[in-house]
Amino acid sequence: MKKLIDRHRDIQYTLTNIEPDLWSWSFEINGKMRQGTTRARLGLLAQRRVCTLIDRELKSAERAKPKEPD
């Protein structure tokens, strides 16, 4: 079982190969823990998918944040 802990845009994520072609991932943004699995033959592809998910979560968190008055 291969385990990788890395950072993307200052968000630490964990990626674990739980069986051939199946990866488990988890990360936390603003106290909200996200976790799941993805199917990928290559570890780098699984990493890319997690980074895409982190980007998506950061974008939605930015939209949900109330705007400050000027």
PDB file of N, CA and C in Angstrom:
ATOM      1  N   MET A   1       0.857  -1.184   0.000  1.00  0.00           N
ATOM      2  CA  MET A   1       0.000   0.000   0.000  1.00  0.00           C
ATOM      3  C   MET A   1       0.899   1.243   0.000  1.00  0.00           C
ATOM      4  N   LYS A   2       0.674   2.124  -0.955  1.00  0.00           N
ATOM      5  CA  LYS A   2       1.467   3.335  -1.111  1.00  0.00           C
ATOM      6  C   LYS A   2       0.697   4.516  -0.521  1.00  0.00           C
ATOM      7  N   LYS A   3       1.364   5.340   0.296  1.00  0.00           N
ATOM      8  CA  LYS A   3       0.725   6.500   0.910  1.00  0.00           C
ATOM      9  C   LYS A   3       1.549   7.741   0.588  1.00  0.00           C
ATOM     10  N   LEU A   4       0.868   8.797   0.207  1.00  0.00           N
ATOM     11  CA  LEU A   4       1.520  10.049  -0.161  1.00  0.00           C
ATOM     12  C   LEU A   4       0.845  11.190   0.592  1.00  0.00           C
ATOM     13  N   ILE A   5       1.655  12.012   1.228  1.00  0.00           N
ATOM     14  CA  ILE A   5       1.159  13.229   1.873  1.00  0.00           C
ATOM     15  C   ILE A   5       1.843  14.389   1.168  1.00  0.00           C
ATOM     16  N   ASP A   6       1.039  15.315   0.629  1.00  0.00           N
ATOM     17  CA  ASP A   6       1.596  16.411  -0.161  1.00  0.00           C
ATOM     18  C   ASP A   6       0.769  17.670   0.078  1.00  0.00           C
ATOM     19  N   ARG A   7       1.178  18.779  -0.527  1.00  0.00           N
ATOM     20  CA  ARG A   7       0.467  20.059  -0.400  1.00  0.00           C
ATOM     21  C   ARG A   7       0.157  20.605  -1.787  1.00  0.00           C
ATOM     22  N   HIS A   8      -1.011  21.240  -1.890  1.00  0.00           N
ATOM     23  CA  HIS A   8      -1.415  21.945  -3.105  1.00  0.00           C
ATOM     24  C   HIS A   8      -2.116  23.213  -2.657  1.00  0.00           C
ATOM     25  N   ARG A   9      -1.580  24.364  -3.059  1.00  0.00           N
ATOM     26  CA  ARG A   9      -2.124  25.678  -2.675  1.00  0.00           C
ATOM     27  C   ARG A   9      -2.289  25.792  -1.150  1.00  0.00           C
ATOM     28  N   ASP A  10      -1.277  25.367  -0.424  1.00  0.00           N
ATOM     29  CA  ASP A  10      -1.233  25.389   1.043  1.00  0.00           C
ATOM     30  C   ASP A  10      -2.287  24.506   1.706  1.00  0.00           C
ATOM     31  N   ILE A  11      -2.844  23.562   0.995  1.00  0.00           N
ATOM     32  CA  ILE A  11      -3.776  22.586   1.549  1.00  0.00           C
ATOM     33  C   ILE A  11      -3.062  21.239   1.554  1.00  0.00           C
ATOM     34  N   GLN A  12      -2.943  20.647   2.735  1.00  0.00           N
ATOM     35  CA  GLN A  12      -2.294  19.336   2.821  1.00  0.00           C
ATOM     36  C   GLN A  12      -3.318  18.253   2.492  1.00  0.00           C
ATOM     37  N   TYR A  13      -2.913  17.314   1.652  1.00  0.00           N
ATOM     38  CA  TYR A  13      -3.797  16.201   1.306  1.00  0.00           C
ATOM     39  C   TYR A  13      -3.063  14.887   1.446  1.00  0.00           C
ATOM     40  N   THR A  14      -3.849  13.830   1.649  1.00  0.00           N
ATOM     41  CA  THR A  14      -3.312  12.480   1.771  1.00  0.00           C
ATOM     42  C   THR A  14      -3.890  11.638   0.655  1.00  0.00           C
ATOM     43  N   LEU A  15      -3.046  10.876   0.007  1.00  0.00           N
ATOM     44  CA  LEU A  15      -3.447  10.006  -1.089  1.00  0.00           C
ATOM     45  C   LEU A  15      -2.893   8.617  -0.793  1.00  0.00           C
ATOM     46  N   THR A  16      -3.783   7.614  -0.731  1.00  0.00           N
ATOM     47  CA  THR A  16      -3.386   6.259  -0.375  1.00  0.00           C
ATOM     48  C   THR A  16      -3.892   5.280  -1.415  1.00  0.00           C
ATOM     49  N   ASN A  17      -3.014   4.417  -1.876  1.00  0.00           N
ATOM     50  CA  ASN A  17      -3.392   3.376  -2.829  1.00  0.00           C
ATOM     51  C   ASN A  17      -3.945   2.205  -2.024  1.00  0.00           C
ATOM     52  N   ILE A  18      -5.269   1.995  -2.079  1.00  0.00           N
ATOM     53  CA  ILE A  18      -5.882   0.955  -1.263  1.00  0.00           C
ATOM     54  C   ILE A  18      -6.001  -0.380  -1.986  1.00  0.00           C
ATOM     55  N   GLU A  19      -5.995  -0.356  -3.289  1.00  0.00           N
ATOM     56  CA  GLU A  19      -5.927  -1.568  -4.110  1.00  0.00           C
ATOM     57  C   GLU A  19      -5.512  -1.137  -5.509  1.00  0.00           C
ATOM     58  N   PRO A  20      -5.152  -2.075  -6.380  1.00  0.00           N
ATOM     59  CA  PRO A  20      -4.727  -1.650  -7.724  1.00  0.00           C
ATOM     60  C   PRO A  20      -5.786  -0.774  -8.403  1.00  0.00           C
ATOM     61  N   ASP A  21      -5.359   0.353  -8.897  1.00  0.00           N
ATOM     62  CA  ASP A  21      -6.211   1.311  -9.627  1.00  0.00           C
ATOM     63  C   ASP A  21      -7.253   2.009  -8.755  1.00  0.00           C
ATOM     64  N   LEU A  22      -7.171   1.916  -7.427  1.00  0.00           N
ATOM     65  CA  LEU A  22      -8.120   2.595  -6.543  1.00  0.00           C
ATOM     66  C   LEU A  22      -7.346   3.366  -5.477  1.00  0.00           C
ATOM     67  N   TRP A  23      -7.590   4.666  -5.430  1.00  0.00           N
ATOM     68  CA  TRP A  23      -6.883   5.565  -4.522  1.00  0.00           C
ATOM     69  C   TRP A  23      -7.876   6.235  -3.590  1.00  0.00           C
ATOM     70  N   SER A  24      -7.519   6.351  -2.331  1.00  0.00           N
ATOM     71  CA  SER A  24      -8.306   7.061  -1.335  1.00  0.00           C
ATOM     72  C   SER A  24      -7.626   8.399  -1.070  1.00  0.00           C
ATOM     73  N   TRP A  25      -8.400   9.467  -0.992  1.00  0.00           N
ATOM     74  CA  TRP A  25      -7.836  10.789  -0.770  1.00  0.00           C
ATOM     75  C   TRP A  25      -8.594  11.497   0.347  1.00  0.00           C
ATOM     76  N   SER A  26      -7.945  12.467   0.978  1.00  0.00           N
ATOM     77  CA  SER A  26      -8.605  13.299   1.989  1.00  0.00           C
ATOM     78  C   SER A  26      -7.848  14.620   2.114  1.00  0.00           C
ATOM     79  N   PHE A  27      -8.599  15.671   2.410  1.00  0.00           N
ATOM     80  CA  PHE A  27      -8.022  16.984   2.678  1.00  0.00           C
ATOM     81  C   PHE A  27      -9.018  17.789   3.495  1.00  0.00           C
ATOM     82  N   GLU A  28      -8.549  18.898   4.071  1.00  0.00           N
ATOM     83  CA  GLU A  28      -9.392  19.735   4.923  1.00  0.00           C
ATOM     84  C   GLU A  28      -9.253  21.187   4.492  1.00  0.00           C
ATOM     85  N   ILE A  29     -10.398  21.850   4.312  1.00  0.00           N
ATOM     86  CA  ILE A  29     -10.425  23.270   3.965  1.00  0.00           C
ATOM     87  C   ILE A  29     -11.393  23.956   4.922  1.00  0.00           C
ATOM     88  N   ASN A  30     -10.898  24.967   5.639  1.00  0.00           N
ATOM     89  CA  ASN A  30     -11.707  25.735   6.592  1.00  0.00           C
ATOM     90  C   ASN A  30     -12.433  24.834   7.591  1.00  0.00           C
ATOM     91  N   GLY A  31     -11.753  23.818   8.088  1.00  0.00           N
ATOM     92  CA  GLY A  31     -12.347  22.930   9.080  1.00  0.00           C
ATOM     93  C   GLY A  31     -13.295  21.888   8.521  1.00  0.00           C
ATOM     94  N   LYS A  32     -13.501  21.908   7.221  1.00  0.00           N
ATOM     95  CA  LYS A  32     -14.402  20.956   6.567  1.00  0.00           C
ATOM     96  C   LYS A  32     -13.562  19.845   5.933  1.00  0.00           C
ATOM     97  N   MET A  33     -13.728  18.631   6.450  1.00  0.00           N
ATOM     98  CA  MET A  33     -12.954  17.491   5.961  1.00  0.00           C
ATOM     99  C   MET A  33     -13.640  16.887   4.755  1.00  0.00           C
ATOM    100  N   ARG A  34     -12.880  16.683   3.693  1.00  0.00           N
ATOM    101  CA  ARG A  34     -13.392  16.047   2.471  1.00  0.00           C
ATOM    102  C   ARG A  34     -12.587  14.788   2.247  1.00  0.00           C
ATOM    103  N   GLN A  35     -13.256  13.709   1.886  1.00  0.00           N
ATOM    104  CA  GLN A  35     -12.558  12.464   1.599  1.00  0.00           C
ATOM    105  C   GLN A  35     -13.344  11.665   0.581  1.00  0.00           C
ATOM    106  N   GLY A  36     -12.636  10.787  -0.114  1.00  0.00           N
ATOM    107  CA  GLY A  36     -13.296   9.989  -1.125  1.00  0.00           C
ATOM    108  C   GLY A  36     -12.303   9.069  -1.804  1.00  0.00           C
ATOM    109  N   THR A  37     -12.734   8.489  -2.907  1.00  0.00           N
ATOM    110  CA  THR A  37     -11.878   7.593  -3.668  1.00  0.00           C
ATOM    111  C   THR A  37     -11.919   7.990  -5.139  1.00  0.00           C
ATOM    112  N   THR A  38     -10.896   7.605  -5.855  1.00  0.00           N
ATOM    113  CA  THR A  38     -10.841   7.824  -7.288  1.00  0.00           C
ATOM    114  C   THR A  38     -10.157   6.626  -7.939  1.00  0.00           C
ATOM    115  N   ARG A  39     -10.578   6.316  -9.132  1.00  0.00           N
ATOM    116  CA  ARG A  39      -9.955   5.228  -9.887  1.00  0.00           C
ATOM    117  C   ARG A  39      -8.928   5.828 -10.842  1.00  0.00           C
ATOM    118  N   ALA A  40      -7.699   5.364 -10.717  1.00  0.00           N
ATOM    119  CA  ALA A  40      -6.623   5.825 -11.600  1.00  0.00           C
ATOM    120  C   ALA A  40      -5.528   4.767 -11.614  1.00  0.00           C
ATOM    121  N   ARG A  41      -5.033   4.483 -12.779  1.00  0.00           N
ATOM    122  CA  ARG A  41      -3.962   3.495 -12.896  1.00  0.00           C
ATOM    123  C   ARG A  41      -2.641   4.063 -12.374  1.00  0.00           C
ATOM    124  N   LEU A  42      -2.400   5.330 -12.632  1.00  0.00           N
ATOM    125  CA  LEU A  42      -1.143   5.968 -12.242  1.00  0.00           C
ATOM    126  C   LEU A  42      -1.321   6.867 -11.027  1.00  0.00           C
ATOM    127  N   GLY A  43      -0.318   6.880 -10.168  1.00  0.00           N
ATOM    128  CA  GLY A  43      -0.362   7.728  -8.981  1.00  0.00           C
ATOM    129  C   GLY A  43      -0.397   9.206  -9.318  1.00  0.00           C
ATOM    130  N   LEU A  44       0.315   9.602 -10.371  1.00  0.00           N
ATOM    131  CA  LEU A  44       0.319  11.017 -10.759  1.00  0.00           C
ATOM    132  C   LEU A  44      -1.046  11.481 -11.242  1.00  0.00           C
ATOM    133  N   LEU A  45      -1.783  10.602 -11.891  1.00  0.00           N
ATOM    134  CA  LEU A  45      -3.132  10.958 -12.324  1.00  0.00           C
ATOM    135  C   LEU A  45      -4.051  11.117 -11.113  1.00  0.00           C
ATOM    136  N   ALA A  46      -3.906  10.262 -10.118  1.00  0.00           N
ATOM    137  CA  ALA A  46      -4.698  10.384  -8.893  1.00  0.00           C
ATOM    138  C   ALA A  46      -4.357  11.705  -8.191  1.00  0.00           C
ATOM    139  N   GLN A  47      -3.071  12.075  -8.160  1.00  0.00           N
ATOM    140  CA  GLN A  47      -2.664  13.347  -7.573  1.00  0.00           C
ATOM    141  C   GLN A  47      -3.306  14.514  -8.304  1.00  0.00           C
ATOM    142  N   ARG A  48      -3.305  14.461  -9.601  1.00  0.00           N
ATOM    143  CA  ARG A  48      -3.890  15.542 -10.403  1.00  0.00           C
ATOM    144  C   ARG A  48      -5.376  15.694 -10.116  1.00  0.00           C
ATOM    145  N   ARG A  49      -6.067  14.563  -9.969  1.00  0.00           N
ATOM    146  CA  ARG A  49      -7.505  14.616  -9.673  1.00  0.00           C
ATOM    147  C   ARG A  49      -7.764  15.232  -8.306  1.00  0.00           C
ATOM    148  N   VAL A  50      -6.933  14.911  -7.312  1.00  0.00           N
ATOM    149  CA  VAL A  50      -7.097  15.508  -5.985  1.00  0.00           C
ATOM    150  C   VAL A  50      -6.825  17.010  -6.050  1.00  0.00           C
ATOM    151  N   CYS A  51      -5.804  17.415  -6.779  1.00  0.00           N
ATOM    152  CA  CYS A  51      -5.503  18.844  -6.919  1.00  0.00           C
ATOM    153  C   CYS A  51      -6.661  19.579  -7.590  1.00  0.00           C
ATOM    154  N   THR A  52      -7.300  18.957  -8.560  1.00  0.00           N
ATOM    155  CA  THR A  52      -8.470  19.552  -9.221  1.00  0.00           C
ATOM    156  C   THR A  52      -9.616  19.699  -8.229  1.00  0.00           C
ATOM    157  N   LEU A  53      -9.817  18.699  -7.387  1.00  0.00           N
ATOM    158  CA  LEU A  53     -10.872  18.772  -6.364  1.00  0.00           C
ATOM    159  C   LEU A  53     -10.587  19.887  -5.360  1.00  0.00           C
ATOM    160  N   ILE A  54      -9.323  20.036  -4.971  1.00  0.00           N
ATOM    161  CA  ILE A  54      -8.953  21.103  -4.039  1.00  0.00           C
ATOM    162  C   ILE A  54      -9.218  22.464  -4.676  1.00  0.00           C
ATOM    163  N   ASP A  55      -8.841  22.639  -5.945  1.00  0.00           N
ATOM    164  CA  ASP A  55      -9.107  23.898  -6.645  1.00  0.00           C
ATOM    165  C   ASP A  55     -10.605  24.200  -6.677  1.00  0.00           C
ATOM    166  N   ARG A  56     -11.398  23.185  -6.954  1.00  0.00           N
ATOM    167  CA  ARG A  56     -12.851  23.353  -7.012  1.00  0.00           C
ATOM    168  C   ARG A  56     -13.418  23.760  -5.653  1.00  0.00           C
ATOM    169  N   GLU A  57     -12.946  23.134  -4.589  1.00  0.00           N
ATOM    170  CA  GLU A  57     -13.411  23.471  -3.241  1.00  0.00           C
ATOM    171  C   GLU A  57     -12.988  24.887  -2.841  1.00  0.00           C
ATOM    172  N   LEU A  58     -11.763  25.266  -3.177  1.00  0.00           N
ATOM    173  CA  LEU A  58     -11.308  26.620  -2.859  1.00  0.00           C
ATOM    174  C   LEU A  58     -12.132  27.664  -3.610  1.00  0.00           C
ATOM    175  N   LYS A  59     -12.476  27.370  -4.846  1.00  0.00           N
ATOM    176  CA  LYS A  59     -13.271  28.300  -5.644  1.00  0.00           C
ATOM    177  C   LYS A  59     -14.674  28.460  -5.051  1.00  0.00           C
ATOM    178  N   SER A  60     -15.282  27.357  -4.634  1.00  0.00           N
ATOM    179  CA  SER A  60     -16.626  27.443  -4.055  1.00  0.00           C
ATOM    180  C   SER A  60     -16.579  28.111  -2.680  1.00  0.00           C
ATOM    181  N   ALA A  61     -15.503  27.902  -1.923  1.00  0.00           N
ATOM    182  CA  ALA A  61     -15.365  28.571  -0.621  1.00  0.00           C
ATOM    183  C   ALA A  61     -15.201  30.072  -0.815  1.00  0.00           C
ATOM    184  N   GLU A  62     -14.504  30.468  -1.865  1.00  0.00           N
ATOM    185  CA  GLU A  62     -14.317  31.891  -2.162  1.00  0.00           C
ATOM    186  C   GLU A  62     -15.646  32.540  -2.551  1.00  0.00           C
ATOM    187  N   ARG A  63     -16.459  31.811  -3.311  1.00  0.00           N
ATOM    188  CA  ARG A  63     -17.774  32.345  -3.709  1.00  0.00           C
ATOM    189  C   ARG A  63     -18.720  32.467  -2.530  1.00  0.00           C
ATOM    190  N   ALA A  64     -18.606  31.550  -1.569  1.00  0.00           N
ATOM    191  CA  ALA A  64     -19.516  31.539  -0.431  1.00  0.00           C
ATOM    192  C   ALA A  64     -19.136  32.595   0.615  1.00  0.00           C
ATOM    193  N   LYS A  65     -17.893  33.070   0.566  1.00  0.00           N
ATOM    194  CA  LYS A  65     -17.448  34.062   1.527  1.00  0.00           C
ATOM    195  C   LYS A  65     -18.146  35.395   1.288  1.00  0.00           C
ATOM    196  N   PRO A  66     -18.698  36.006   2.342  1.00  0.00           N
ATOM    197  CA  PRO A  66     -19.360  37.306   2.151  1.00  0.00           C
ATOM    198  C   PRO A  66     -18.353  38.383   1.767  1.00  0.00           C
ATOM    199  N   LYS A  67     -18.759  39.260   0.876  1.00  0.00           N
ATOM    200  CA  LYS A  67     -17.872  40.333   0.417  1.00  0.00           C
ATOM    201  C   LYS A  67     -17.860  41.464   1.433  1.00  0.00           C
ATOM    202  N   GLU A  68     -16.679  42.050   1.622  1.00  0.00           N
ATOM    203  CA  GLU A  68     -16.533  43.176   2.539  1.00  0.00           C
ATOM    204  C   GLU A  68     -16.902  44.463   1.834  1.00  0.00           C
ATOM    205  N   PRO A  69     -17.597  45.360   2.527  1.00  0.00           N
ATOM    206  CA  PRO A  69     -17.933  46.644   1.900  1.00  0.00           C
ATOM    207  C   PRO A  69     -16.679  47.485   1.692  1.00  0.00           C
ATOM    208  N   ASP A  70     -16.688  48.294   0.652  1.00  0.00           N
ATOM    209  CA  ASP A  70     -15.521  49.149   0.334  1.00  0.00           C
ATOM    210  C   ASP A  70     -15.452  50.349   1.236  1.00  0.00           C
TER     211      ASP A  70
END
